[in-house]
mmCIF file of all heavy atoms, coordinates in Angstrom:
data_MODEL
# 
_entry.id   MODEL 
# 
loop_
_atom_site.group_PDB 
_atom_site.id 
_atom_site.type_symbol 
_atom_site.label_atom_id 
_atom_site.label_alt_id 
_atom_site.label_comp_id 
_atom_site.label_asym_id 
_atom_site.label_entity_id 
_atom_site.label_seq_id 
_atom_site.pdbx_PDB_ins_code 
_atom_site.Cartn_x 
_atom_site.Cartn_y 
_atom_site.Cartn_z 
_atom_site.occupancy 
_atom_site.B_iso_or_equiv 
_atom_site.pdbx_formal_charge 
_atom_site.auth_seq_id 
_atom_site.auth_comp_id 
_atom_site.auth_asym_id 
_atom_site.auth_atom_id 
_atom_site.pdbx_PDB_model_num 
ATOM 1   N N   . ASP A 1 1  ? 0.260   -10.364 -18.379 1.00 0.00 ? 1  ASP A N   1 
ATOM 2   C CA  . ASP A 1 1  ? 1.485   -11.110 -18.051 1.00 0.00 ? 1  ASP A CA  1 
ATOM 3   C C   . ASP A 1 1  ? 1.559   -11.171 -16.523 1.00 0.00 ? 1  ASP A C   1 
ATOM 4   O O   . ASP A 1 1  ? 1.450   -10.157 -15.861 1.00 0.00 ? 1  ASP A O   1 
ATOM 5   C CB  . ASP A 1 1  ? 2.724   -10.473 -18.620 1.00 0.00 ? 1  ASP A CB  1 
ATOM 6   C CG  . ASP A 1 1  ? 2.800   -10.558 -20.151 1.00 0.00 ? 1  ASP A CG  1 
ATOM 7   O OD1 . ASP A 1 1  ? 2.455   -11.609 -20.640 1.00 0.00 ? 1  ASP A OD1 1 
ATOM 8   O OD2 . ASP A 1 1  ? 3.258   -9.561  -20.771 1.00 0.00 ? 1  ASP A OD2 1 
ATOM 9   N N   . CYS A 1 2  ? 1.700   -12.424 -16.040 1.00 0.00 ? 2  CYS A N   1 
ATOM 10  C CA  . CYS A 1 2  ? 1.617   -12.615 -14.585 1.00 0.00 ? 2  CYS A CA  1 
ATOM 11  C C   . CYS A 1 2  ? 2.969   -12.718 -13.919 1.00 0.00 ? 2  CYS A C   1 
ATOM 12  O O   . CYS A 1 2  ? 3.534   -13.808 -13.741 1.00 0.00 ? 2  CYS A O   1 
ATOM 13  C CB  . CYS A 1 2  ? 0.803   -13.898 -14.302 1.00 0.00 ? 2  CYS A CB  1 
ATOM 14  S SG  . CYS A 1 2  ? -0.881  -13.812 -14.908 1.00 0.00 ? 2  CYS A SG  1 
ATOM 15  N N   . SER A 1 3  ? 3.534   -11.580 -13.493 1.00 0.00 ? 3  SER A N   1 
ATOM 16  C CA  . SER A 1 3  ? 4.693   -11.538 -12.730 1.00 0.00 ? 3  SER A CA  1 
ATOM 17  C C   . SER A 1 3  ? 4.325   -11.750 -11.279 1.00 0.00 ? 3  SER A C   1 
ATOM 18  O O   . SER A 1 3  ? 3.198   -11.621 -10.875 1.00 0.00 ? 3  SER A O   1 
ATOM 19  C CB  . SER A 1 3  ? 5.424   -10.225 -12.884 1.00 0.00 ? 3  SER A CB  1 
ATOM 20  O OG  . SER A 1 3  ? 4.543   -9.180  -12.371 1.00 0.00 ? 3  SER A OG  1 
ATOM 21  N N   . PRO A 1 4  ? 5.279   -12.030 -10.331 1.00 0.00 ? 4  PRO A N   1 
ATOM 22  C CA  . PRO A 1 4  ? 4.955   -12.173 -8.908  1.00 0.00 ? 4  PRO A CA  1 
ATOM 23  C C   . PRO A 1 4  ? 4.270   -10.875 -8.401  1.00 0.00 ? 4  PRO A C   1 
ATOM 24  O O   . PRO A 1 4  ? 3.372   -10.915 -7.528  1.00 0.00 ? 4  PRO A O   1 
ATOM 25  C CB  . PRO A 1 4  ? 6.314   -12.377 -8.296  1.00 0.00 ? 4  PRO A CB  1 
ATOM 26  C CG  . PRO A 1 4  ? 7.092   -13.074 -9.333  1.00 0.00 ? 4  PRO A CG  1 
ATOM 27  C CD  . PRO A 1 4  ? 6.706   -12.445 -10.662 1.00 0.00 ? 4  PRO A CD  1 
ATOM 28  N N   . GLU A 1 5  ? 4.713   -9.743  -8.987  1.00 0.00 ? 5  GLU A N   1 
ATOM 29  C CA  . GLU A 1 5  ? 4.062   -8.452  -8.553  1.00 0.00 ? 5  GLU A CA  1 
ATOM 30  C C   . GLU A 1 5  ? 2.606   -8.385  -8.855  1.00 0.00 ? 5  GLU A C   1 
ATOM 31  O O   . GLU A 1 5  ? 1.814   -7.903  -8.178  1.00 0.00 ? 5  GLU A O   1 
ATOM 32  C CB  . GLU A 1 5  ? 4.844   -7.270  -9.110  1.00 0.00 ? 5  GLU A CB  1 
ATOM 33  C CG  . GLU A 1 5  ? 4.277   -5.923  -8.683  1.00 0.00 ? 5  GLU A CG  1 
ATOM 34  C CD  . GLU A 1 5  ? 5.022   -4.787  -9.334  1.00 0.00 ? 5  GLU A CD  1 
ATOM 35  O OE1 . GLU A 1 5  ? 6.204   -4.660  -9.079  1.00 0.00 ? 5  GLU A OE1 1 
ATOM 36  O OE2 . GLU A 1 5  ? 4.354   -3.961  -10.056 1.00 0.00 ? 5  GLU A OE2 1 
ATOM 37  N N   . TYR A 1 6  ? 2.278   -8.959  -10.097 1.00 0.00 ? 6  TYR A N   1 
ATOM 38  C CA  . TYR A 1 6  ? 0.870   -8.977  -10.510 1.00 0.00 ? 6  TYR A CA  1 
ATOM 39  C C   . TYR A 1 6  ? -0.026  -9.688  -9.530  1.00 0.00 ? 6  TYR A C   1 
ATOM 40  O O   . TYR A 1 6  ? -1.091  -9.204  -9.167  1.00 0.00 ? 6  TYR A O   1 
ATOM 41  C CB  . TYR A 1 6  ? 0.771   -9.646  -11.897 1.00 0.00 ? 6  TYR A CB  1 
ATOM 42  C CG  . TYR A 1 6  ? -0.713  -9.816  -12.407 1.00 0.00 ? 6  TYR A CG  1 
ATOM 43  C CD1 . TYR A 1 6  ? -1.366  -8.731  -12.907 1.00 0.00 ? 6  TYR A CD1 1 
ATOM 44  C CD2 . TYR A 1 6  ? -1.396  -11.007 -12.206 1.00 0.00 ? 6  TYR A CD2 1 
ATOM 45  C CE1 . TYR A 1 6  ? -2.709  -8.850  -13.306 1.00 0.00 ? 6  TYR A CE1 1 
ATOM 46  C CE2 . TYR A 1 6  ? -2.651  -11.143 -12.654 1.00 0.00 ? 6  TYR A CE2 1 
ATOM 47  C CZ  . TYR A 1 6  ? -3.285  -10.110 -13.172 1.00 0.00 ? 6  TYR A CZ  1 
ATOM 48  O OH  . TYR A 1 6  ? -4.664  -10.264 -13.561 1.00 0.00 ? 6  TYR A OH  1 
ATOM 49  N N   . PHE A 1 7  ? 0.395   -10.854 -9.013  1.00 0.00 ? 7  PHE A N   1 
ATOM 50  C CA  . PHE A 1 7  ? -0.396  -11.619 -8.046  1.00 0.00 ? 7  PHE A CA  1 
ATOM 51  C C   . PHE A 1 7  ? -0.471  -10.923 -6.724  1.00 0.00 ? 7  PHE A C   1 
ATOM 52  O O   . PHE A 1 7  ? -1.531  -10.816 -6.150  1.00 0.00 ? 7  PHE A O   1 
ATOM 53  C CB  . PHE A 1 7  ? 0.264   -12.988 -7.870  1.00 0.00 ? 7  PHE A CB  1 
ATOM 54  C CG  . PHE A 1 7  ? 0.241   -13.891 -9.036  1.00 0.00 ? 7  PHE A CG  1 
ATOM 55  C CD1 . PHE A 1 7  ? 1.406   -14.435 -9.590  1.00 0.00 ? 7  PHE A CD1 1 
ATOM 56  C CD2 . PHE A 1 7  ? -0.935  -14.160 -9.699  1.00 0.00 ? 7  PHE A CD2 1 
ATOM 57  C CE1 . PHE A 1 7  ? 1.413   -15.269 -10.675 1.00 0.00 ? 7  PHE A CE1 1 
ATOM 58  C CE2 . PHE A 1 7  ? -1.014  -15.005 -10.806 1.00 0.00 ? 7  PHE A CE2 1 
ATOM 59  C CZ  . PHE A 1 7  ? 0.205   -15.573 -11.360 1.00 0.00 ? 7  PHE A CZ  1 
ATOM 60  N N   . GLU A 1 8  ? 0.663   -10.313 -6.282  1.00 0.00 ? 8  GLU A N   1 
ATOM 61  C CA  . GLU A 1 8  ? 0.668   -9.571  -5.049  1.00 0.00 ? 8  GLU A CA  1 
ATOM 62  C C   . GLU A 1 8  ? -0.256  -8.355  -5.105  1.00 0.00 ? 8  GLU A C   1 
ATOM 63  O O   . GLU A 1 8  ? -0.956  -8.021  -4.133  1.00 0.00 ? 8  GLU A O   1 
ATOM 64  C CB  . GLU A 1 8  ? 2.087   -9.180  -4.655  1.00 0.00 ? 8  GLU A CB  1 
ATOM 65  C CG  . GLU A 1 8  ? 2.250   -8.738  -3.179  1.00 0.00 ? 8  GLU A CG  1 
ATOM 66  C CD  . GLU A 1 8  ? 2.024   -9.880  -2.202  1.00 0.00 ? 8  GLU A CD  1 
ATOM 67  O OE1 . GLU A 1 8  ? 2.422   -11.012 -2.442  1.00 0.00 ? 8  GLU A OE1 1 
ATOM 68  O OE2 . GLU A 1 8  ? 1.348   -9.592  -1.188  1.00 0.00 ? 8  GLU A OE2 1 
ATOM 69  N N   . ARG A 1 9  ? -0.188  -7.661  -6.227  1.00 0.00 ? 9  ARG A N   1 
ATOM 70  C CA  . ARG A 1 9  ? -1.044  -6.461  -6.362  1.00 0.00 ? 9  ARG A CA  1 
ATOM 71  C C   . ARG A 1 9  ? -2.475  -6.862  -6.386  1.00 0.00 ? 9  ARG A C   1 
ATOM 72  O O   . ARG A 1 9  ? -3.331  -6.101  -5.855  1.00 0.00 ? 9  ARG A O   1 
ATOM 73  C CB  . ARG A 1 9  ? -0.614  -5.817  -7.695  1.00 0.00 ? 9  ARG A CB  1 
ATOM 74  C CG  . ARG A 1 9  ? -1.356  -4.458  -7.969  1.00 0.00 ? 9  ARG A CG  1 
ATOM 75  C CD  . ARG A 1 9  ? -1.044  -3.932  -9.372  1.00 0.00 ? 9  ARG A CD  1 
ATOM 76  N NE  . ARG A 1 9  ? 0.421   -3.606  -9.498  1.00 0.00 ? 9  ARG A NE  1 
ATOM 77  C CZ  . ARG A 1 9  ? 0.831   -2.365  -9.173  1.00 0.00 ? 9  ARG A CZ  1 
ATOM 78  N NH1 . ARG A 1 9  ? 0.020   -1.454  -8.739  1.00 0.00 ? 9  ARG A NH1 1 
ATOM 79  N NH2 . ARG A 1 9  ? 2.114   -2.160  -9.333  1.00 0.00 ? 9  ARG A NH2 1 
ATOM 80  N N   . LEU A 1 10 ? -2.832  -8.013  -6.990  1.00 0.00 ? 10 LEU A N   1 
ATOM 81  C CA  . LEU A 1 10 ? -4.245  -8.383  -7.074  1.00 0.00 ? 10 LEU A CA  1 
ATOM 82  C C   . LEU A 1 10 ? -4.862  -8.636  -5.727  1.00 0.00 ? 10 LEU A C   1 
ATOM 83  O O   . LEU A 1 10 ? -6.068  -8.261  -5.540  1.00 0.00 ? 10 LEU A O   1 
ATOM 84  C CB  . LEU A 1 10 ? -4.327  -9.648  -7.952  1.00 0.00 ? 10 LEU A CB  1 
ATOM 85  C CG  . LEU A 1 10 ? -5.752  -10.104 -8.381  1.00 0.00 ? 10 LEU A CG  1 
ATOM 86  C CD1 . LEU A 1 10 ? -6.312  -9.052  -9.306  1.00 0.00 ? 10 LEU A CD1 1 
ATOM 87  C CD2 . LEU A 1 10 ? -5.681  -11.475 -9.077  1.00 0.00 ? 10 LEU A CD2 1 
ATOM 88  N N   . ILE A 1 11 ? -4.095  -9.157  -4.819  1.00 0.00 ? 11 ILE A N   1 
ATOM 89  C CA  . ILE A 1 11 ? -4.720  -9.516  -3.501  1.00 0.00 ? 11 ILE A CA  1 
ATOM 90  C C   . ILE A 1 11 ? -4.473  -8.373  -2.427  1.00 0.00 ? 11 ILE A C   1 
ATOM 91  O O   . ILE A 1 11 ? -4.943  -8.457  -1.311  1.00 0.00 ? 11 ILE A O   1 
ATOM 92  C CB  . ILE A 1 11 ? -4.278  -10.790 -2.897  1.00 0.00 ? 11 ILE A CB  1 
ATOM 93  C CG1 . ILE A 1 11 ? -2.745  -10.823 -2.667  1.00 0.00 ? 11 ILE A CG1 1 
ATOM 94  C CG2 . ILE A 1 11 ? -4.625  -11.944 -3.797  1.00 0.00 ? 11 ILE A CG2 1 
ATOM 95  C CD1 . ILE A 1 11 ? -2.235  -12.011 -1.917  1.00 0.00 ? 11 ILE A CD1 1 
ATOM 96  N N   . TYR A 1 12 ? -3.736  -7.376  -2.848  1.00 0.00 ? 12 TYR A N   1 
ATOM 97  C CA  . TYR A 1 12 ? -3.418  -6.277  -1.903  1.00 0.00 ? 12 TYR A CA  1 
ATOM 98  C C   . TYR A 1 12 ? -4.679  -5.478  -1.544  1.00 0.00 ? 12 TYR A C   1 
ATOM 99  O O   . TYR A 1 12 ? -5.480  -5.136  -2.404  1.00 0.00 ? 12 TYR A O   1 
ATOM 100 C CB  . TYR A 1 12 ? -2.410  -5.289  -2.499  1.00 0.00 ? 12 TYR A CB  1 
ATOM 101 C CG  . TYR A 1 12 ? -1.998  -4.233  -1.508  1.00 0.00 ? 12 TYR A CG  1 
ATOM 102 C CD1 . TYR A 1 12 ? -0.928  -4.480  -0.597  1.00 0.00 ? 12 TYR A CD1 1 
ATOM 103 C CD2 . TYR A 1 12 ? -2.593  -2.961  -1.552  1.00 0.00 ? 12 TYR A CD2 1 
ATOM 104 C CE1 . TYR A 1 12 ? -0.555  -3.526  0.306   1.00 0.00 ? 12 TYR A CE1 1 
ATOM 105 C CE2 . TYR A 1 12 ? -2.181  -1.982  -0.626  1.00 0.00 ? 12 TYR A CE2 1 
ATOM 106 C CZ  . TYR A 1 12 ? -1.178  -2.256  0.253   1.00 0.00 ? 12 TYR A CZ  1 
ATOM 107 O OH  . TYR A 1 12 ? -0.774  -1.306  1.193   1.00 0.00 ? 12 TYR A OH  1 
ATOM 108 N N   . LYS A 1 13 ? -4.872  -5.248  -0.294  1.00 0.00 ? 13 LYS A N   1 
ATOM 109 C CA  . LYS A 1 13 ? -6.056  -4.476  0.229   1.00 0.00 ? 13 LYS A CA  1 
ATOM 110 C C   . LYS A 1 13 ? -5.648  -3.099  0.624   1.00 0.00 ? 13 LYS A C   1 
ATOM 111 O O   . LYS A 1 13 ? -4.969  -2.951  1.711   1.00 0.00 ? 13 LYS A O   1 
ATOM 112 C CB  . LYS A 1 13 ? -6.712  -5.334  1.359   1.00 0.00 ? 13 LYS A CB  1 
ATOM 113 C CG  . LYS A 1 13 ? -7.249  -6.632  0.941   1.00 0.00 ? 13 LYS A CG  1 
ATOM 114 C CD  . LYS A 1 13 ? -7.915  -7.315  2.115   1.00 0.00 ? 13 LYS A CD  1 
ATOM 115 C CE  . LYS A 1 13 ? -8.469  -8.674  1.684   1.00 0.00 ? 13 LYS A CE  1 
ATOM 116 N NZ  . LYS A 1 13 ? -9.114  -9.395  2.819   1.00 0.00 ? 13 LYS A NZ  1 
ATOM 117 N N   . PRO A 1 14 ? -5.977  -2.074  -0.142  1.00 0.00 ? 14 PRO A N   1 
ATOM 118 C CA  . PRO A 1 14 ? -5.731  -0.747  0.276   1.00 0.00 ? 14 PRO A CA  1 
ATOM 119 C C   . PRO A 1 14 ? -6.357  -0.355  1.658   1.00 0.00 ? 14 PRO A C   1 
ATOM 120 O O   . PRO A 1 14 ? -7.416  -0.941  2.000   1.00 0.00 ? 14 PRO A O   1 
ATOM 121 C CB  . PRO A 1 14 ? -6.275  0.154   -0.837  1.00 0.00 ? 14 PRO A CB  1 
ATOM 122 C CG  . PRO A 1 14 ? -6.376  -0.804  -1.995  1.00 0.00 ? 14 PRO A CG  1 
ATOM 123 C CD  . PRO A 1 14 ? -6.724  -2.104  -1.443  1.00 0.00 ? 14 PRO A CD  1 
ATOM 124 N N   . PHE A 1 15 ? -5.734  0.544   2.404   1.00 0.00 ? 15 PHE A N   1 
ATOM 125 C CA  . PHE A 1 15 ? -6.329  0.883   3.696   1.00 0.00 ? 15 PHE A CA  1 
ATOM 126 C C   . PHE A 1 15 ? -6.053  2.364   3.928   1.00 0.00 ? 15 PHE A C   1 
ATOM 127 O O   . PHE A 1 15 ? -5.113  2.956   3.385   1.00 0.00 ? 15 PHE A O   1 
ATOM 128 C CB  . PHE A 1 15 ? -5.715  0.065   4.798   1.00 0.00 ? 15 PHE A CB  1 
ATOM 129 C CG  . PHE A 1 15 ? -4.185  0.135   4.939   1.00 0.00 ? 15 PHE A CG  1 
ATOM 130 C CD1 . PHE A 1 15 ? -3.599  1.108   5.764   1.00 0.00 ? 15 PHE A CD1 1 
ATOM 131 C CD2 . PHE A 1 15 ? -3.368  -0.720  4.210   1.00 0.00 ? 15 PHE A CD2 1 
ATOM 132 C CE1 . PHE A 1 15 ? -2.231  1.180   5.811   1.00 0.00 ? 15 PHE A CE1 1 
ATOM 133 C CE2 . PHE A 1 15 ? -1.980  -0.655  4.313   1.00 0.00 ? 15 PHE A CE2 1 
ATOM 134 C CZ  . PHE A 1 15 ? -1.408  0.340   5.159   1.00 0.00 ? 15 PHE A CZ  1 
ATOM 135 N N   . PHE A 1 16 ? -6.902  2.989   4.772   1.00 0.00 ? 16 PHE A N   1 
ATOM 136 C CA  . PHE A 1 16 ? -6.713  4.392   5.202   1.00 0.00 ? 16 PHE A CA  1 
ATOM 137 C C   . PHE A 1 16 ? -5.653  4.485   6.279   1.00 0.00 ? 16 PHE A C   1 
ATOM 138 O O   . PHE A 1 16 ? -5.644  3.709   7.229   1.00 0.00 ? 16 PHE A O   1 
ATOM 139 C CB  . PHE A 1 16 ? -8.026  4.986   5.653   1.00 0.00 ? 16 PHE A CB  1 
ATOM 140 C CG  . PHE A 1 16 ? -9.017  5.254   4.554   1.00 0.00 ? 16 PHE A CG  1 
ATOM 141 C CD1 . PHE A 1 16 ? -10.197 4.468   4.443   1.00 0.00 ? 16 PHE A CD1 1 
ATOM 142 C CD2 . PHE A 1 16 ? -8.796  6.275   3.674   1.00 0.00 ? 16 PHE A CD2 1 
ATOM 143 C CE1 . PHE A 1 16 ? -11.084 4.679   3.413   1.00 0.00 ? 16 PHE A CE1 1 
ATOM 144 C CE2 . PHE A 1 16 ? -9.779  6.538   2.671   1.00 0.00 ? 16 PHE A CE2 1 
ATOM 145 C CZ  . PHE A 1 16 ? -10.851 5.691   2.504   1.00 0.00 ? 16 PHE A CZ  1 
ATOM 146 N N   . ILE A 1 17 ? -4.735  5.385   6.017   1.00 0.00 ? 17 ILE A N   1 
ATOM 147 C CA  . ILE A 1 17 ? -3.633  5.643   7.035   1.00 0.00 ? 17 ILE A CA  1 
ATOM 148 C C   . ILE A 1 17 ? -4.241  6.382   8.211   1.00 0.00 ? 17 ILE A C   1 
ATOM 149 O O   . ILE A 1 17 ? -4.896  7.361   8.080   1.00 0.00 ? 17 ILE A O   1 
ATOM 150 C CB  . ILE A 1 17 ? -2.522  6.395   6.370   1.00 0.00 ? 17 ILE A CB  1 
ATOM 151 C CG1 . ILE A 1 17 ? -1.827  5.577   5.261   1.00 0.00 ? 17 ILE A CG1 1 
ATOM 152 C CG2 . ILE A 1 17 ? -1.436  6.722   7.428   1.00 0.00 ? 17 ILE A CG2 1 
ATOM 153 C CD1 . ILE A 1 17 ? -0.845  6.331   4.405   1.00 0.00 ? 17 ILE A CD1 1 
ATOM 154 N N   . SER A 1 18 ? -3.868  5.875   9.428   1.00 0.00 ? 18 SER A N   1 
ATOM 155 C CA  . SER A 1 18 ? -4.416  6.496   10.680  1.00 0.00 ? 18 SER A CA  1 
ATOM 156 C C   . SER A 1 18 ? -3.273  7.210   11.533  1.00 0.00 ? 18 SER A C   1 
ATOM 157 O O   . SER A 1 18 ? -3.619  7.938   12.380  1.00 0.00 ? 18 SER A O   1 
ATOM 158 C CB  . SER A 1 18 ? -5.113  5.489   11.516  1.00 0.00 ? 18 SER A CB  1 
ATOM 159 O OG  . SER A 1 18 ? -4.264  4.389   11.897  1.00 0.00 ? 18 SER A OG  1 
ATOM 160 N N   . LYS A 1 19 ? -2.095  6.856   11.111  1.00 0.00 ? 19 LYS A N   1 
ATOM 161 C CA  . LYS A 1 19 ? -0.938  7.456   11.864  1.00 0.00 ? 19 LYS A CA  1 
ATOM 162 C C   . LYS A 1 19 ? -0.524  8.758   11.127  1.00 0.00 ? 19 LYS A C   1 
ATOM 163 O O   . LYS A 1 19 ? -0.516  8.887   9.940   1.00 0.00 ? 19 LYS A O   1 
ATOM 164 C CB  . LYS A 1 19 ? 0.230   6.516   11.919  1.00 0.00 ? 19 LYS A CB  1 
ATOM 165 C CG  . LYS A 1 19 ? -0.023  5.273   12.682  1.00 0.00 ? 19 LYS A CG  1 
ATOM 166 C CD  . LYS A 1 19 ? 1.191   4.317   12.635  1.00 0.00 ? 19 LYS A CD  1 
ATOM 167 C CE  . LYS A 1 19 ? 0.916   3.054   13.493  1.00 0.00 ? 19 LYS A CE  1 
ATOM 168 N NZ  . LYS A 1 19 ? 2.102   2.177   13.480  1.00 0.00 ? 19 LYS A NZ  1 
ATOM 169 N N   . LYS A 1 20 ? -0.151  9.731   11.938  1.00 0.00 ? 20 LYS A N   1 
ATOM 170 C CA  . LYS A 1 20 ? 0.291   11.051  11.419  1.00 0.00 ? 20 LYS A CA  1 
ATOM 171 C C   . LYS A 1 20 ? 1.539   10.906  10.535  1.00 0.00 ? 20 LYS A C   1 
ATOM 172 O O   . LYS A 1 20 ? 1.683   11.654  9.557   1.00 0.00 ? 20 LYS A O   1 
ATOM 173 C CB  . LYS A 1 20 ? 0.525   12.078  12.541  1.00 0.00 ? 20 LYS A CB  1 
ATOM 174 C CG  . LYS A 1 20 ? -0.802  12.405  13.259  1.00 0.00 ? 20 LYS A CG  1 
ATOM 175 C CD  . LYS A 1 20 ? -0.570  13.455  14.362  1.00 0.00 ? 20 LYS A CD  1 
ATOM 176 C CE  . LYS A 1 20 ? -1.834  13.767  15.086  1.00 0.00 ? 20 LYS A CE  1 
ATOM 177 N NZ  . LYS A 1 20 ? -1.654  14.768  16.182  1.00 0.00 ? 20 LYS A NZ  1 
ATOM 178 N N   . VAL A 1 21 ? 2.382   10.007  10.850  1.00 0.00 ? 21 VAL A N   1 
ATOM 179 C CA  . VAL A 1 21 ? 3.571   9.673   10.089  1.00 0.00 ? 21 VAL A CA  1 
ATOM 180 C C   . VAL A 1 21 ? 3.556   8.226   9.737   1.00 0.00 ? 21 VAL A C   1 
ATOM 181 O O   . VAL A 1 21 ? 3.583   7.354   10.704  1.00 0.00 ? 21 VAL A O   1 
ATOM 182 C CB  . VAL A 1 21 ? 4.908   10.163  10.775  1.00 0.00 ? 21 VAL A CB  1 
ATOM 183 C CG1 . VAL A 1 21 ? 6.090   9.769   9.917   1.00 0.00 ? 21 VAL A CG1 1 
ATOM 184 C CG2 . VAL A 1 21 ? 4.830   11.584  11.146  1.00 0.00 ? 21 VAL A CG2 1 
ATOM 185 N N   . TYR A 1 22 ? 3.574   7.892   8.485   1.00 0.00 ? 22 TYR A N   1 
ATOM 186 C CA  . TYR A 1 22 ? 3.519   6.484   8.094   1.00 0.00 ? 22 TYR A CA  1 
ATOM 187 C C   . TYR A 1 22 ? 4.296   6.357   6.784   1.00 0.00 ? 22 TYR A C   1 
ATOM 188 O O   . TYR A 1 22 ? 3.912   6.781   5.734   1.00 0.00 ? 22 TYR A O   1 
ATOM 189 C CB  . TYR A 1 22 ? 2.095   6.008   7.828   1.00 0.00 ? 22 TYR A CB  1 
ATOM 190 C CG  . TYR A 1 22 ? 1.962   4.554   7.478   1.00 0.00 ? 22 TYR A CG  1 
ATOM 191 C CD1 . TYR A 1 22 ? 1.886   3.551   8.516   1.00 0.00 ? 22 TYR A CD1 1 
ATOM 192 C CD2 . TYR A 1 22 ? 1.951   4.154   6.216   1.00 0.00 ? 22 TYR A CD2 1 
ATOM 193 C CE1 . TYR A 1 22 ? 1.782   2.252   8.184   1.00 0.00 ? 22 TYR A CE1 1 
ATOM 194 C CE2 . TYR A 1 22 ? 1.792   2.782   5.849   1.00 0.00 ? 22 TYR A CE2 1 
ATOM 195 C CZ  . TYR A 1 22 ? 1.743   1.808   6.886   1.00 0.00 ? 22 TYR A CZ  1 
ATOM 196 O OH  . TYR A 1 22 ? 1.623   0.548   6.524   1.00 0.00 ? 22 TYR A OH  1 
ATOM 197 N N   . GLY A 1 23 ? 5.475   5.747   6.838   1.00 0.00 ? 23 GLY A N   1 
ATOM 198 C CA  . GLY A 1 23 ? 6.364   5.604   5.712   1.00 0.00 ? 23 GLY A CA  1 
ATOM 199 C C   . GLY A 1 23 ? 6.742   7.064   5.205   1.00 0.00 ? 23 GLY A C   1 
ATOM 200 O O   . GLY A 1 23 ? 7.261   7.865   5.999   1.00 0.00 ? 23 GLY A O   1 
ATOM 201 N N   . ASP A 1 24 ? 6.534   7.269   3.893   1.00 0.00 ? 24 ASP A N   1 
ATOM 202 C CA  . ASP A 1 24 ? 6.836   8.631   3.332   1.00 0.00 ? 24 ASP A CA  1 
ATOM 203 C C   . ASP A 1 24 ? 5.729   9.584   3.607   1.00 0.00 ? 24 ASP A C   1 
ATOM 204 O O   . ASP A 1 24 ? 5.847   10.810  3.291   1.00 0.00 ? 24 ASP A O   1 
ATOM 205 C CB  . ASP A 1 24 ? 7.049   8.478   1.859   1.00 0.00 ? 24 ASP A CB  1 
ATOM 206 C CG  . ASP A 1 24 ? 8.292   7.673   1.536   1.00 0.00 ? 24 ASP A CG  1 
ATOM 207 O OD1 . ASP A 1 24 ? 9.203   7.652   2.376   1.00 0.00 ? 24 ASP A OD1 1 
ATOM 208 O OD2 . ASP A 1 24 ? 8.356   7.072   0.408   1.00 0.00 ? 24 ASP A OD2 1 
ATOM 209 N N   . PHE A 1 25 ? 4.573   9.159   4.201   1.00 0.00 ? 25 PHE A N   1 
ATOM 210 C CA  . PHE A 1 25 ? 3.479   10.088  4.461   1.00 0.00 ? 25 PHE A CA  1 
ATOM 211 C C   . PHE A 1 25 ? 3.667   10.783  5.780   1.00 0.00 ? 25 PHE A C   1 
ATOM 212 O O   . PHE A 1 25 ? 4.000   10.212  6.807   1.00 0.00 ? 25 PHE A O   1 
ATOM 213 C CB  . PHE A 1 25 ? 2.138   9.327   4.469   1.00 0.00 ? 25 PHE A CB  1 
ATOM 214 C CG  . PHE A 1 25 ? 0.947   10.158  4.894   1.00 0.00 ? 25 PHE A CG  1 
ATOM 215 C CD1 . PHE A 1 25 ? 0.415   11.043  4.056   1.00 0.00 ? 25 PHE A CD1 1 
ATOM 216 C CD2 . PHE A 1 25 ? 0.466   10.026  6.221   1.00 0.00 ? 25 PHE A CD2 1 
ATOM 217 C CE1 . PHE A 1 25 ? -0.736  11.806  4.509   1.00 0.00 ? 25 PHE A CE1 1 
ATOM 218 C CE2 . PHE A 1 25 ? -0.612  10.729  6.711   1.00 0.00 ? 25 PHE A CE2 1 
ATOM 219 C CZ  . PHE A 1 25 ? -1.206  11.652  5.789   1.00 0.00 ? 25 PHE A CZ  1 
ATOM 220 N N   . ASN A 1 26 ? 3.387   12.121  5.749   1.00 0.00 ? 26 ASN A N   1 
ATOM 221 C CA  . ASN A 1 26 ? 3.406   12.978  6.969   1.00 0.00 ? 26 ASN A CA  1 
ATOM 222 C C   . ASN A 1 26 ? 2.227   13.921  6.805   1.00 0.00 ? 26 ASN A C   1 
ATOM 223 O O   . ASN A 1 26 ? 2.239   14.793  5.954   1.00 0.00 ? 26 ASN A O   1 
ATOM 224 C CB  . ASN A 1 26 ? 4.701   13.719  7.129   1.00 0.00 ? 26 ASN A CB  1 
ATOM 225 C CG  . ASN A 1 26 ? 4.828   14.392  8.426   1.00 0.00 ? 26 ASN A CG  1 
ATOM 226 O OD1 . ASN A 1 26 ? 3.891   14.887  9.023   1.00 0.00 ? 26 ASN A OD1 1 
ATOM 227 N ND2 . ASN A 1 26 ? 6.039   14.560  8.924   1.00 0.00 ? 26 ASN A ND2 1 
ATOM 228 N N   . ILE A 1 27 ? 1.260   13.833  7.705   1.00 0.00 ? 27 ILE A N   1 
ATOM 229 C CA  . ILE A 1 27 ? 0.042   14.627  7.636   1.00 0.00 ? 27 ILE A CA  1 
ATOM 230 C C   . ILE A 1 27 ? 0.380   16.138  7.687   1.00 0.00 ? 27 ILE A C   1 
ATOM 231 O O   . ILE A 1 27 ? -0.248  17.004  6.979   1.00 0.00 ? 27 ILE A O   1 
ATOM 232 C CB  . ILE A 1 27 ? -1.033  14.302  8.670   1.00 0.00 ? 27 ILE A CB  1 
ATOM 233 C CG1 . ILE A 1 27 ? -2.281  15.135  8.428   1.00 0.00 ? 27 ILE A CG1 1 
ATOM 234 C CG2 . ILE A 1 27 ? -0.472  14.444  10.076  1.00 0.00 ? 27 ILE A CG2 1 
ATOM 235 C CD1 . ILE A 1 27 ? -2.933  14.887  7.181   1.00 0.00 ? 27 ILE A CD1 1 
ATOM 236 N N   . ASP A 1 28 ? 1.450   16.466  8.432   1.00 0.00 ? 28 ASP A N   1 
ATOM 237 C CA  . ASP A 1 28 ? 1.782   17.911  8.578   1.00 0.00 ? 28 ASP A CA  1 
ATOM 238 C C   . ASP A 1 28 ? 2.441   18.469  7.362   1.00 0.00 ? 28 ASP A C   1 
ATOM 239 O O   . ASP A 1 28 ? 2.614   19.673  7.209   1.00 0.00 ? 28 ASP A O   1 
ATOM 240 C CB  . ASP A 1 28 ? 2.715   18.113  9.789   1.00 0.00 ? 28 ASP A CB  1 
ATOM 241 C CG  . ASP A 1 28 ? 1.946   17.831  11.129  1.00 0.00 ? 28 ASP A CG  1 
ATOM 242 O OD1 . ASP A 1 28 ? 0.765   18.197  11.220  1.00 0.00 ? 28 ASP A OD1 1 
ATOM 243 O OD2 . ASP A 1 28 ? 2.574   17.212  12.015  1.00 0.00 ? 28 ASP A OD2 1 
# 
C-alpha cells in the first residue's frame, strides 16, 4: 500500500552520523 511515507522511505538514503550530538543521538 503506497502511502506518502512509503514513497519517502523508498528514496531515503541512510547516512553515518558524524556529529557527537545529532537529534536524539548523543555519543557520550
